[in-house]
Structures are given as structure tokens and as C-alpha cells.
Amino acid sequence: MHMARFFIFNLLGHMLPILVALVSVPVIAHFAGVDRLGALGVVWALVGYFSFLDFGLSRVVTRRVAYAADQRCLQEELAQLRGFFWWRAVPGLIAIGVLLLLARSLFAGFLPPGTLGAELARGWSWIAWCVPVTLATNWLRGALEGVHRFARVNLLRSIFGAWNYAGPAVVALYRPTLDALIVGIVVGRILALAAHAFACLQAERGILIGPSQSHRSGIRSFFQEGGWITISNVISPLMLYSDRFVLGALLSPRAVAWYVTGQEVMLRTLVIPGALAGVLFPKFAGRPDADDEQALSGLYQRSIRVVSALMLPLCTLAAAVAYDGLRLWLGESFAVNGHRVIEIIAIGVFANAICHLPHAWLQAVGHADRTAKAHLIELPLYAAGLFMAVLQWGIVGAAVAWTLRVVLDCVVLLRLVGRESAQPVLGLLLVGIALIAAAGLLPALGVDWHWRVLAVLFSVGIAAVCAWRGLLTEDDRKELLMMRRDKRS
């Protein structure tokens, strides 16, 4: 029950940014234009990608702090973390910012022509310094999660996650240029760093303040543990966002907007597995004893069932209402050109949601090398497939390539955790894919809207019944009902 409440609170911390995005995206599209919205989607992906280049240290911090707290040696661990942060991480982050500034000329040839490219060039220096600021914030967030300060983490995530969309929307009202929109994002990242530092001082001053060790003895242990995580952190988001860069190079900004808008909304639903994985990661890492292995394995299996049960109706609904939802939200042009993307991406999002749990498990128990090696093999295959799919089928081809890659990644990581644990999950994965695909095909565009509504209700109803009766066990259902009664009382 304690972990379930942590999960719900963590989930609520992700919901506000989604709601704000639903309002902000049409505002940006109206005042700044669809082309700038498409370019801003690439900027969001670019900052998000570079933000993962922290050498795996944010995850290492969470793991080490959680373990130290469990073993009652937290202050000794924080002393070592402080030394590494101030003497190694901070200078490294400054160097990253300088390198990104110098790399501006390398990206000049890939910028779009005309006014849009000039505005993006002016905003590059802001992007360059946004990355080290975000990396430092990730480090502090990892420390807060390690000491289980989920309330503070999720309050900050809610506020500044919402700023990521609301900031550019407000700026678009007064100065609808791409460089100004980028400034709106970066200001929020700087304030987020300051707020996380203040939260650390309130929760555990030892995270930032105290005697620091400047010697090099701890560096090797940090990078040995974080090295394989780094490889996954480089490759995984590259595969997650590279479709946008390929589309930007091969198609028009308007086509990128049709693709990115639907995908961005769908990716926001991954806050559900992300919230659960964020709570479970320190739990997996903090209790490594053999006696706890069976209990943790049961927790791992339950978490997959819960995530699948939550995501199946949601992804089914997204596939079923893709056209009508886009038409009401952004107009007929977006709906006609972008609804197939959402219907296909919904399948991949369901698989990616499940994938969060084996990914967190493998990294928490010290097998980050397995995820990294799998991603090294997947990357060239996906790159070739994505390029050919975009040339052949445009944004629909990109959606198909992305979804196939995500499903394959999910299957591989499940098997890497263990064959016995993977078998039941593979079955529910196939059932979920079939239901979501059928939901996208049932509400045909040529039929009357009454029949489309019935098709949506039927699809979502079937998915909800399968989730409640098929994916959740009797114990799972009892615990959820008990939580509901507790909230009412």
C-alpha cells in the first residue's frame, strides 16, 4: 500500500504538464505558426536527448543513495557524492556547455532555410547552456529520489514540466519567433535547477553542503557503474527522437508538425510507467540481498501487470479517437494528415510502457550492460529501417518504424530479465497490440459519427474489461479497491 501511494503521488506529478500541453500546443500553432511548432518539437527532442548525456550518473546517484540509506551509511555516501559533484561533475557540465556552443557551426548546414533557420541559429546558444543546467538538475533529482523525497520531486516536476509547454505559449503571444520560444524553455530550466537545489537543502543538506573530497579515487567507481547506463542513455533517446530529425531533413516542417504533435501527446502518457519505475528503481537498488529476491521479483511482475492494465485502455482510446480528437483539437488538416500516426504510435507506446519495468530492473540490479548491448545492436537496424520507411511512406512510415523498434526492444529486455518472467508478459503484449490495432481500424472515417462513437465505446469497453479481469489478479483488484475506500474515508 505504501508503494502504491508513492506511485499515485508520483503519477500526479506528471499529469499537470500533459494538461498544460493540450492547451499550449494550439496556442503556439496559432500565434507562432505550424512550421515553428514543428521546429520547436525538434528543439524539445534535442534538449531532451542531450539531457540524457550525464554518463548515467543521475541513476547511479539514486542507486547509491538508496542503498546507503538502507544500510544506514547515508552521510558517508553523501560525502563522496558531494566531492564528485563539485570537483568533477560541475566542471564537466561547464565543458559540455562550451563544446555545444562551439558545435554550432557543425549544425549550420542542417538548419532549415529562411527565417526559421535564422531564428533557430539565434537560439542555439540558449540551447547549449540549457543542456548542462538540465544535467545538473537531473543529478539533484536523483539524490532526492534516492532518499525517497517523492513529494518534493513531483511538485517540482509538475511545475517545471508544465513550464516546458506554457512558457513558449506565453512567449508566443508577445514575440512569436522560434528563438524567443526557446528562451521561454530555457528560463524554466534555470529556475528548475535553483528550485531543486533549494529542495535538496531542505530535505538533506548533505547532498550539497559539507566537506568535499577532491581526490580521484572515487571517479573510477562512478564511471564503471555509470558507463553502461551512459551507452543506453545515449542510444535509447536517440532511437526515441531520431525519427523527428530524419523527418526534418527529408520532409517539410509542416509534415514534421503533423507527426510530432501526435507523437508528443502520446509520449506524454508514458508518465504512467515512468512514475512507477521512478518509485521502484530505488526499491530494487536498495534491497539487493538474496532473501529479498523473491519478494522483489513478485513486485516486478505486479508492476508490469498494473502498468499494462492502466495503459491498455488509454492507448486503445487514443487509437480509436485519433481522427476526431485531432479534428476538434487542431482542425481538419491536422486530423487528416496526422491521425494514422497516432493510431500506429499508440501500439508502440503500449509496448514502451511495459519496457520501462525490465529496463529499470536491469539497471537497478547491476545489469545495465545488458540493456546497453541490446541498444547497440538495435541502433543500426533501426536507423536503416527508419530512413527507408520515411522515403517510402513519409510520416506514416516513420511511425511504423518507430513502433516496430519499440516492440522489439520490449521483447528483448523482457527476455534479458529472465525467460520465465518474460513468457506471461509476451502474451499480454500481443493481446494489447491486437486490441489497439483493432481500435484504430473500427471507427472508419466514411461512416456516420454515431457509428464511430459506438465503435469507440465498444473498443475502450473491451480494453477496460481485459485490463481489469485479464491483466490484474484478484489480489491486485482487491488492493486497488482498498485504496479507493481509503481515499474516500
Protein backbone atom coordinates (compact mmCIF):
# COMPACT_ATOMS: atom_id res chain seq x y z
CA MET A 1 0.00 0.00 0.00
CA HIS A 2 2.87 2.32 0.85
CA MET A 3 4.46 1.81 -2.59
CA ALA A 4 1.09 2.21 -4.31
CA ARG A 5 0.56 5.61 -2.68
CA PHE A 6 4.07 6.63 -3.75
CA PHE A 7 3.19 5.61 -7.31
CA ILE A 8 -0.08 7.55 -7.37
CA PHE A 9 1.61 10.64 -5.97
CA ASN A 10 4.43 10.28 -8.50
CA LEU A 11 1.88 9.90 -11.30
CA LEU A 12 0.00 13.03 -10.27
CA GLY A 13 3.28 14.91 -10.58
CA HIS A 14 3.35 14.05 -14.27
CA MET A 15 -0.24 14.89 -15.12
CA LEU A 16 -0.19 18.69 -14.99
CA PRO A 17 2.34 19.02 -17.85
CA ILE A 18 0.07 16.91 -20.08
CA LEU A 19 -2.94 19.11 -19.39
CA VAL A 20 -0.90 22.25 -19.96
CA ALA A 21 0.47 20.82 -23.23
CA LEU A 22 -3.06 20.21 -24.52
CA VAL A 23 -3.79 23.92 -24.10
CA SER A 24 -0.37 25.30 -25.06
CA VAL A 25 0.22 23.48 -28.35
CA PRO A 26 -2.77 25.05 -30.16
CA VAL A 27 -1.72 28.47 -28.83
CA ILE A 28 1.80 28.05 -30.23
CA ALA A 29 0.45 26.77 -33.54
CA HIS A 30 -1.95 29.73 -33.85
CA PHE A 31 0.35 32.59 -32.88
CA ALA A 32 3.78 31.28 -33.98
CA GLY A 33 2.66 29.10 -36.89
CA VAL A 34 2.67 25.38 -37.62
CA ASP A 35 6.19 25.49 -39.06
CA ARG A 36 7.60 26.96 -35.83
CA LEU A 37 5.65 24.38 -33.83
CA GLY A 38 7.33 21.63 -35.84
CA ALA A 39 10.76 23.21 -35.30
CA LEU A 40 10.02 23.61 -31.59
CA GLY A 41 9.22 19.90 -31.44
CA VAL A 42 12.73 19.21 -32.75
CA VAL A 43 14.16 21.58 -30.10
CA TRP A 44 12.26 19.76 -27.35
CA ALA A 45 13.71 16.49 -28.67
CA LEU A 46 17.22 17.97 -28.95
CA VAL A 47 17.27 19.28 -25.39
CA GLY A 48 15.67 16.08 -24.15
CA TYR A 49 18.28 13.97 -25.93
CA PHE A 50 21.34 15.88 -24.75
CA SER A 51 19.90 15.89 -21.24
CA PHE A 52 20.49 12.14 -21.09
CA LEU A 53 24.25 12.59 -21.62
CA ASP A 54 25.05 12.56 -17.91
CA PHE A 55 27.22 9.41 -18.03
CA GLY A 56 24.43 7.55 -16.24
CA LEU A 57 25.29 9.41 -13.05
CA SER A 58 21.77 10.51 -12.13
CA ARG A 59 20.71 6.85 -11.98
CA VAL A 60 23.94 5.98 -10.18
CA VAL A 61 23.21 8.66 -7.59
CA THR A 62 19.71 7.29 -6.98
CA ARG A 63 21.00 3.75 -6.67
CA ARG A 64 23.89 4.59 -4.32
CA VAL A 65 21.89 6.93 -2.11
CA ALA A 66 19.02 4.42 -1.81
CA TYR A 67 21.42 1.61 -0.92
CA ALA A 68 23.33 3.77 1.57
CA ALA A 69 20.11 4.87 3.26
CA ASP A 70 19.04 1.23 3.54
CA GLN A 71 22.43 0.27 5.02
CA ARG A 72 22.45 3.28 7.42
CA CYS A 73 25.60 4.83 5.97
CA LEU A 74 24.00 7.75 4.16
CA GLN A 75 26.31 10.53 5.39
CA GLU A 76 29.44 8.70 4.29
CA GLU A 77 27.96 8.15 0.84
CA LEU A 78 26.83 11.77 0.54
CA ALA A 79 30.34 12.96 1.38
CA GLN A 80 31.71 11.02 -1.58
CA LEU A 81 28.89 12.20 -3.86
CA ARG A 82 29.49 15.82 -2.87
CA GLY A 83 33.15 15.57 -3.76
CA PHE A 84 32.40 14.10 -7.14
CA PHE A 85 29.67 16.63 -7.89
CA TRP A 86 31.62 19.78 -7.05
CA TRP A 87 35.07 18.72 -8.23
CA ARG A 88 34.21 16.61 -11.28
CA ALA A 89 30.60 16.96 -12.41
CA VAL A 90 30.28 20.76 -12.31
CA PRO A 91 33.48 21.40 -14.33
CA GLY A 92 32.38 18.70 -16.75
CA LEU A 93 28.99 20.34 -17.22
CA ILE A 94 30.63 23.68 -17.97
CA ALA A 95 32.82 21.96 -20.55
CA ILE A 96 29.73 20.40 -22.16
CA GLY A 97 28.15 23.84 -22.50
CA VAL A 98 31.29 25.25 -24.13
CA LEU A 99 31.53 22.32 -26.55
CA LEU A 100 27.90 22.73 -27.57
CA LEU A 101 28.49 26.42 -28.22
CA LEU A 102 31.47 25.58 -30.42
CA ALA A 103 29.45 22.90 -32.22
CA ARG A 104 27.04 25.49 -33.58
CA SER A 105 28.87 25.63 -36.90
CA LEU A 106 28.52 21.85 -37.33
CA PHE A 107 24.72 22.13 -37.25
CA ALA A 108 24.55 25.16 -39.55
CA GLY A 109 24.19 23.04 -42.67
CA PHE A 110 21.21 21.17 -41.24
CA LEU A 111 19.15 24.23 -40.32
CA PRO A 112 16.02 24.95 -42.38
CA PRO A 113 16.32 27.78 -44.90
CA GLY A 114 14.95 31.26 -44.46
CA THR A 115 13.65 32.97 -41.34
CA LEU A 116 13.09 29.74 -39.44
CA GLY A 117 16.73 28.70 -39.76
CA ALA A 118 17.96 32.16 -38.72
CA GLU A 119 15.77 32.10 -35.62
CA LEU A 120 17.00 28.62 -34.69
CA ALA A 121 20.61 29.76 -35.12
CA ARG A 122 20.00 32.68 -32.76
CA GLY A 123 18.51 30.31 -30.20
CA TRP A 124 21.42 27.85 -30.32
CA SER A 125 23.44 29.49 -27.53
CA TRP A 126 20.43 29.19 -25.25
CA ILE A 127 20.10 25.51 -26.11
CA ALA A 128 23.81 24.96 -25.44
CA TRP A 129 23.59 26.25 -21.86
CA CYS A 130 20.21 24.64 -21.26
CA VAL A 131 21.77 21.19 -21.51
CA PRO A 132 24.29 21.42 -18.60
CA VAL A 133 21.65 23.14 -16.47
CA THR A 134 19.27 20.24 -17.07
CA LEU A 135 22.00 17.67 -16.37
CA ALA A 136 22.75 19.27 -13.01
CA THR A 137 19.03 19.23 -12.22
CA ASN A 138 18.90 15.52 -13.06
CA TRP A 139 21.71 14.86 -10.56
CA LEU A 140 19.85 16.67 -7.77
CA ARG A 141 16.60 14.92 -8.66
CA GLY A 142 18.38 11.57 -8.48
CA ALA A 143 19.60 12.36 -4.96
CA LEU A 144 16.10 13.38 -3.85
CA GLU A 145 14.62 10.17 -5.26
CA GLY A 146 17.34 8.16 -3.52
CA VAL A 147 16.19 9.48 -0.13
CA HIS A 148 12.54 8.94 -1.17
CA ARG A 149 11.55 12.61 -1.24
CA PHE A 150 8.93 11.95 -3.90
CA ALA A 151 6.65 14.76 -2.73
CA ARG A 152 9.28 17.41 -3.45
CA VAL A 153 10.35 15.77 -6.70
CA ASN A 154 6.83 15.57 -8.07
CA LEU A 155 5.86 19.08 -7.05
CA LEU A 156 8.88 20.39 -8.96
CA ARG A 157 8.22 18.06 -11.88
CA SER A 158 4.65 19.32 -12.12
CA ILE A 159 5.59 22.99 -12.07
CA PHE A 160 8.53 22.94 -14.44
CA GLY A 161 7.17 20.20 -16.67
CA ALA A 162 4.18 22.44 -17.26
CA TRP A 163 6.53 25.41 -17.87
CA ASN A 164 8.14 23.45 -20.71
CA TYR A 165 4.92 23.99 -22.70
CA ALA A 166 3.33 27.02 -21.03
CA GLY A 167 6.50 29.12 -21.28
CA PRO A 168 6.69 29.05 -25.10
CA ALA A 169 2.91 29.50 -25.34
CA VAL A 170 3.01 32.69 -23.26
CA VAL A 171 6.03 33.96 -25.20
CA ALA A 172 4.22 33.27 -28.49
CA LEU A 173 1.53 35.77 -27.50
CA TYR A 174 4.05 38.62 -27.44
CA ARG A 175 7.03 37.54 -29.57
CA PRO A 176 6.17 34.61 -31.88
CA THR A 177 9.71 33.82 -33.06
CA LEU A 178 11.48 30.50 -32.58
CA ASP A 179 14.44 31.95 -30.66
CA ALA A 180 12.05 33.65 -28.22
CA LEU A 181 10.17 30.38 -27.72
CA ILE A 182 13.47 28.66 -26.93
CA VAL A 183 14.30 31.34 -24.35
CA GLY A 184 10.95 30.59 -22.68
CA ILE A 185 12.00 26.94 -22.30
CA VAL A 186 15.49 27.71 -21.00
CA VAL A 187 14.34 30.18 -18.34
CA GLY A 188 12.19 27.41 -16.90
CA ARG A 189 15.16 25.01 -16.82
CA ILE A 190 17.29 27.53 -14.93
CA LEU A 191 14.57 28.11 -12.36
CA ALA A 192 14.14 24.32 -12.05
CA LEU A 193 17.81 23.93 -11.14
CA ALA A 194 17.52 26.58 -8.43
CA ALA A 195 14.34 25.01 -7.05
CA HIS A 196 15.90 21.51 -6.92
CA ALA A 197 18.94 22.87 -5.11
CA PHE A 198 16.66 24.51 -2.53
CA ALA A 199 14.69 21.26 -2.15
CA CYS A 200 17.93 19.35 -1.51
CA LEU A 201 18.94 21.81 1.20
CA GLN A 202 15.58 21.32 2.86
CA ALA A 203 15.48 17.53 2.56
CA GLU A 204 19.14 16.60 3.20
CA ARG A 205 21.74 19.37 3.37
CA GLY A 206 24.50 16.81 2.95
CA ILE A 207 23.62 16.45 -0.72
CA LEU A 208 25.21 19.84 -1.43
CA ILE A 209 26.85 21.17 1.74
CA GLY A 210 29.67 19.64 3.75
CA PRO A 211 33.32 18.62 3.42
CA SER A 212 34.12 17.62 -0.16
CA GLN A 213 36.75 15.17 -1.33
CA SER A 214 38.75 16.40 -4.29
CA HIS A 215 40.83 13.27 -4.92
CA ARG A 216 40.36 11.00 -7.90
CA SER A 217 39.86 7.71 -6.09
CA GLY A 218 36.07 7.72 -6.48
CA ILE A 219 35.94 8.62 -10.14
CA ARG A 220 36.56 5.14 -11.48
CA SER A 221 33.78 3.57 -9.40
CA PHE A 222 31.29 6.20 -10.59
CA PHE A 223 32.09 5.69 -14.26
CA GLN A 224 32.32 1.91 -14.01
CA GLU A 225 28.78 1.83 -12.70
CA GLY A 226 27.50 4.58 -14.98
CA GLY A 227 29.37 3.66 -18.16
CA TRP A 228 26.89 1.10 -19.48
CA ILE A 229 24.00 3.28 -18.36
CA THR A 230 25.57 6.07 -20.40
CA ILE A 231 25.51 3.93 -23.54
CA SER A 232 21.80 3.26 -23.05
CA ASN A 233 21.22 6.92 -22.20
CA VAL A 234 22.87 7.95 -25.47
CA ILE A 235 21.31 5.35 -27.75
CA SER A 236 17.83 4.95 -26.26
CA PRO A 237 16.74 8.60 -26.58
CA LEU A 238 18.50 8.76 -29.94
CA MET A 239 16.23 5.99 -31.18
CA LEU A 240 13.27 7.61 -29.43
CA TYR A 241 13.72 11.01 -31.09
CA SER A 242 15.77 10.35 -34.25
CA ASP A 243 12.58 9.99 -36.31
CA ARG A 244 11.98 13.72 -35.83
CA PHE A 245 15.45 14.62 -37.09
CA VAL A 246 15.14 12.33 -40.11
CA LEU A 247 11.72 13.78 -40.94
CA GLY A 248 13.12 17.30 -40.52
CA ALA A 249 15.88 16.52 -43.02
CA LEU A 250 13.70 14.76 -45.59
CA LEU A 251 10.25 16.38 -45.32
CA SER A 252 8.75 19.82 -44.83
CA PRO A 253 8.37 21.49 -41.39
CA ARG A 254 4.61 21.18 -41.77
CA ALA A 255 4.86 17.40 -42.17
CA VAL A 256 7.11 17.29 -39.10
CA ALA A 257 4.44 19.19 -37.16
CA TRP A 258 1.76 16.68 -38.23
CA TYR A 259 3.97 13.89 -36.93
CA VAL A 260 5.50 15.48 -33.84
CA THR A 261 2.27 16.85 -32.39
CA GLY A 262 0.53 13.49 -32.22
CA GLN A 263 3.64 11.65 -31.10
CA GLU A 264 4.43 14.23 -28.41
CA VAL A 265 0.99 13.82 -26.87
CA MET A 266 1.27 10.04 -26.94
CA LEU A 267 4.73 10.08 -25.40
CA ARG A 268 3.38 12.16 -22.52
CA THR A 269 1.26 9.16 -21.49
CA LEU A 270 4.49 7.35 -20.65
CA VAL A 271 4.47 9.32 -17.42
CA ILE A 272 2.45 6.40 -16.02
CA PRO A 273 5.18 3.72 -16.34
CA GLY A 274 7.81 6.40 -15.71
CA ALA A 275 6.17 7.28 -12.41
CA LEU A 276 6.09 3.65 -11.31
CA ALA A 277 9.64 2.92 -12.49
CA GLY A 278 10.86 6.02 -10.66
CA VAL A 279 9.40 4.72 -7.40
CA LEU A 280 10.57 1.14 -7.89
CA PHE A 281 14.13 1.86 -9.04
CA PRO A 282 15.44 2.84 -5.57
CA LYS A 283 13.41 -0.03 -4.13
CA PHE A 284 15.10 -2.54 -6.43
CA ALA A 285 18.51 -0.95 -5.85
CA GLY A 286 18.22 -0.51 -2.12
CA ARG A 287 17.47 -4.13 -1.21
CA PRO A 288 19.94 -6.37 -3.04
CA ASP A 289 20.04 -9.24 -0.52
CA ALA A 290 19.26 -12.73 -1.77
CA ASP A 291 16.49 -13.15 0.81
CA ASP A 292 14.55 -10.33 -0.80
CA GLU A 293 14.93 -11.56 -4.38
CA GLN A 294 11.65 -13.48 -4.46
CA ALA A 295 9.67 -10.58 -3.00
CA LEU A 296 11.23 -8.14 -5.45
CA SER A 297 10.53 -10.48 -8.37
CA GLY A 298 6.88 -10.55 -7.34
CA LEU A 299 6.88 -6.76 -7.12
CA TYR A 300 8.40 -6.59 -10.60
CA GLN A 301 5.70 -8.84 -12.08
CA ARG A 302 2.92 -6.94 -10.34
CA SER A 303 4.25 -3.62 -11.61
CA ILE A 304 4.11 -4.93 -15.20
CA ARG A 305 0.52 -6.07 -14.72
CA VAL A 306 -0.53 -2.73 -13.25
CA VAL A 307 1.17 -0.69 -15.99
CA SER A 308 -0.36 -2.87 -18.70
CA ALA A 309 -3.82 -2.57 -17.16
CA LEU A 310 -3.54 1.21 -16.97
CA MET A 311 -2.06 1.74 -20.43
CA LEU A 312 -4.21 -0.67 -22.45
CA PRO A 313 -7.49 1.30 -22.19
CA LEU A 314 -5.61 4.59 -22.59
CA CYS A 315 -3.78 3.53 -25.77
CA THR A 316 -6.96 1.94 -27.12
CA LEU A 317 -8.83 5.19 -26.56
CA ALA A 318 -6.08 7.20 -28.29
CA ALA A 319 -6.17 4.93 -31.35
CA ALA A 320 -9.96 4.96 -31.50
CA VAL A 321 -10.41 8.76 -31.27
CA ALA A 322 -7.27 9.77 -33.18
CA TYR A 323 -9.07 11.43 -36.09
CA ASP A 324 -11.93 13.06 -34.21
CA GLY A 325 -9.68 14.12 -31.37
CA LEU A 326 -7.19 15.84 -33.67
CA ARG A 327 -10.01 17.46 -35.66
CA LEU A 328 -11.55 19.01 -32.54
CA TRP A 329 -8.17 19.98 -31.10
CA LEU A 330 -6.19 21.32 -34.08
CA GLY A 331 -8.51 21.25 -37.09
CA GLU A 332 -9.30 19.14 -40.14
CA SER A 333 -5.85 19.44 -41.76
CA PHE A 334 -4.06 18.03 -38.72
CA ALA A 335 -6.66 15.27 -38.37
CA VAL A 336 -6.46 14.10 -41.99
CA ASN A 337 -2.66 14.07 -42.06
CA GLY A 338 -1.85 13.01 -38.50
CA HIS A 339 -4.46 10.52 -37.28
CA ARG A 340 -2.69 7.46 -38.71
CA VAL A 341 0.45 8.43 -36.84
CA ILE A 342 -1.37 8.36 -33.50
CA GLU A 343 -3.07 5.03 -34.31
CA ILE A 344 0.31 3.43 -35.01
CA ILE A 345 2.28 5.18 -32.27
CA ALA A 346 -0.33 4.07 -29.70
CA ILE A 347 0.81 0.46 -30.23
CA GLY A 348 4.43 1.42 -29.67
CA VAL A 349 3.58 3.45 -26.57
CA PHE A 350 1.88 0.42 -25.01
CA ALA A 351 4.99 -1.69 -25.63
CA ASN A 352 7.28 1.09 -24.40
CA ALA A 353 5.24 1.38 -21.20
CA ILE A 354 5.86 -2.27 -20.41
CA CYS A 355 9.52 -1.85 -21.37
CA HIS A 356 10.08 0.71 -18.59
CA LEU A 357 9.95 -2.01 -15.94
CA PRO A 358 12.54 -4.50 -17.27
CA HIS A 359 14.77 -1.53 -18.13
CA ALA A 360 14.58 -0.22 -14.55
CA TRP A 361 15.07 -3.72 -13.12
CA LEU A 362 18.19 -4.47 -15.16
CA GLN A 363 19.85 -1.16 -14.29
CA ALA A 364 18.89 -1.32 -10.61
CA VAL A 365 20.28 -4.82 -10.05
CA GLY A 366 23.57 -4.03 -11.78
CA HIS A 367 22.94 -5.41 -15.30
CA ALA A 368 22.96 -2.13 -17.20
CA ASP A 369 25.42 -3.71 -19.65
CA ARG A 370 22.63 -5.95 -20.97
CA THR A 371 20.38 -3.05 -21.93
CA ALA A 372 23.32 -1.18 -23.47
CA LYS A 373 24.40 -4.13 -25.63
CA ALA A 374 20.83 -4.66 -26.82
CA HIS A 375 20.58 -0.99 -27.81
CA LEU A 376 23.91 -1.14 -29.63
CA ILE A 377 22.55 -3.92 -31.81
CA GLU A 378 19.18 -2.24 -32.38
CA LEU A 379 20.54 1.18 -33.38
CA PRO A 380 21.93 0.43 -36.89
CA LEU A 381 18.95 -1.76 -37.76
CA TYR A 382 16.51 0.96 -36.73
CA ALA A 383 18.45 3.72 -38.49
CA ALA A 384 18.39 1.88 -41.82
CA GLY A 385 14.74 0.91 -41.46
CA LEU A 386 13.68 4.41 -40.46
CA PHE A 387 15.42 6.07 -43.40
CA MET A 388 13.88 3.71 -45.94
CA ALA A 389 10.43 3.91 -44.33
CA VAL A 390 10.39 7.72 -44.41
CA LEU A 391 11.49 7.79 -48.05
CA GLN A 392 8.81 5.29 -48.99
CA TRP A 393 5.82 6.26 -46.82
CA GLY A 394 6.61 9.61 -45.17
CA ILE A 395 5.34 10.24 -41.64
CA VAL A 396 3.32 7.01 -41.59
CA GLY A 397 6.49 5.08 -42.42
CA ALA A 398 8.30 6.81 -39.56
CA ALA A 399 5.51 5.82 -37.17
CA VAL A 400 5.66 2.18 -38.32
CA ALA A 401 9.45 2.02 -37.99
CA TRP A 402 9.34 3.61 -34.53
CA THR A 403 6.65 1.23 -33.30
CA LEU A 404 8.36 -1.90 -34.64
CA ARG A 405 11.61 -0.87 -32.96
CA VAL A 406 9.89 -0.24 -29.62
CA VAL A 407 8.07 -3.59 -29.69
CA LEU A 408 11.33 -5.41 -30.49
CA ASP A 409 13.12 -3.57 -27.69
CA CYS A 410 10.41 -4.57 -25.23
CA VAL A 411 10.64 -8.24 -26.18
CA VAL A 412 14.43 -8.25 -25.92
CA LEU A 413 14.57 -6.58 -22.49
CA LEU A 414 11.87 -8.86 -21.11
CA ARG A 415 13.90 -11.89 -22.16
CA LEU A 416 17.07 -10.40 -20.68
CA VAL A 417 15.41 -10.20 -17.27
CA GLY A 418 14.53 -13.89 -17.46
CA ARG A 419 12.78 -16.38 -19.71
CA GLU A 420 10.24 -17.50 -17.11
CA SER A 421 9.26 -13.96 -16.18
CA ALA A 422 9.02 -12.94 -19.85
CA GLN A 423 6.61 -15.64 -21.07
CA PRO A 424 3.38 -14.35 -19.48
CA VAL A 425 4.25 -10.74 -20.36
CA LEU A 426 4.78 -11.57 -24.04
CA GLY A 427 1.26 -12.96 -24.18
CA LEU A 428 -0.34 -9.84 -22.77
CA LEU A 429 1.83 -7.71 -25.08
CA LEU A 430 0.43 -9.47 -28.15
CA VAL A 431 -3.15 -9.17 -26.88
CA GLY A 432 -2.67 -5.47 -26.22
CA ILE A 433 -1.22 -4.84 -29.68
CA ALA A 434 -4.18 -6.62 -31.31
CA LEU A 435 -6.77 -4.65 -29.34
CA ILE A 436 -5.14 -1.28 -30.01
CA ALA A 437 -4.74 -2.02 -33.73
CA ALA A 438 -8.39 -3.05 -33.98
CA ALA A 439 -9.46 0.11 -32.16
CA GLY A 440 -7.71 2.22 -34.78
CA LEU A 441 -9.49 0.45 -37.64
CA LEU A 442 -13.04 0.25 -36.27
CA PRO A 443 -14.10 3.94 -36.35
CA ALA A 444 -13.86 4.29 -40.14
CA LEU A 445 -13.89 7.89 -41.37
CA GLY A 446 -16.54 7.34 -44.05
CA VAL A 447 -19.31 6.25 -41.66
CA ASP A 448 -21.71 8.38 -39.64
CA TRP A 449 -20.37 9.84 -36.41
CA HIS A 450 -22.93 7.86 -34.36
CA TRP A 451 -21.32 4.62 -35.50
CA ARG A 452 -17.85 6.00 -34.77
CA VAL A 453 -18.92 6.81 -31.21
CA LEU A 454 -20.29 3.29 -30.77
CA ALA A 455 -17.05 1.84 -32.16
CA VAL A 456 -15.01 3.90 -29.69
CA LEU A 457 -17.17 2.86 -26.74
CA PHE A 458 -17.01 -0.79 -27.78
CA SER A 459 -13.23 -0.76 -28.23
CA VAL A 460 -12.49 1.01 -24.97
CA GLY A 461 -15.01 -1.15 -23.11
CA ILE A 462 -13.37 -4.35 -24.32
CA ALA A 463 -9.93 -2.99 -23.38
CA ALA A 464 -11.12 -1.98 -19.92
CA VAL A 465 -12.65 -5.40 -19.25
CA CYS A 466 -9.47 -7.15 -20.44
CA ALA A 467 -7.37 -4.89 -18.24
CA TRP A 468 -9.48 -5.37 -15.11
CA ARG A 469 -10.33 -9.05 -15.42
CA GLY A 470 -7.48 -10.38 -17.57
CA LEU A 471 -4.36 -8.45 -16.62
CA LEU A 472 -4.92 -7.85 -12.91
CA THR A 473 -5.03 -10.70 -10.42
CA GLU A 474 -7.63 -10.92 -7.68
CA ASP A 475 -5.11 -9.57 -5.16
CA ASP A 476 -4.35 -6.63 -7.46
CA ARG A 477 -8.03 -5.77 -7.75
CA LYS A 478 -8.58 -6.03 -4.01
CA GLU A 479 -5.67 -3.69 -3.30
CA LEU A 480 -6.92 -1.11 -5.80
CA LEU A 481 -10.41 -1.24 -4.28
CA MET A 482 -8.97 -0.87 -0.78
CA MET A 483 -7.00 2.19 -1.91
CA ARG A 484 -10.21 3.68 -3.31
CA ARG A 485 -12.02 3.15 0.00
CA ASP A 486 -9.09 4.63 1.92
CA LYS A 487 -9.21 7.78 -0.22
CA ARG A 488 -12.95 8.18 0.45
CA SER A 489 -12.64 7.73 4.20
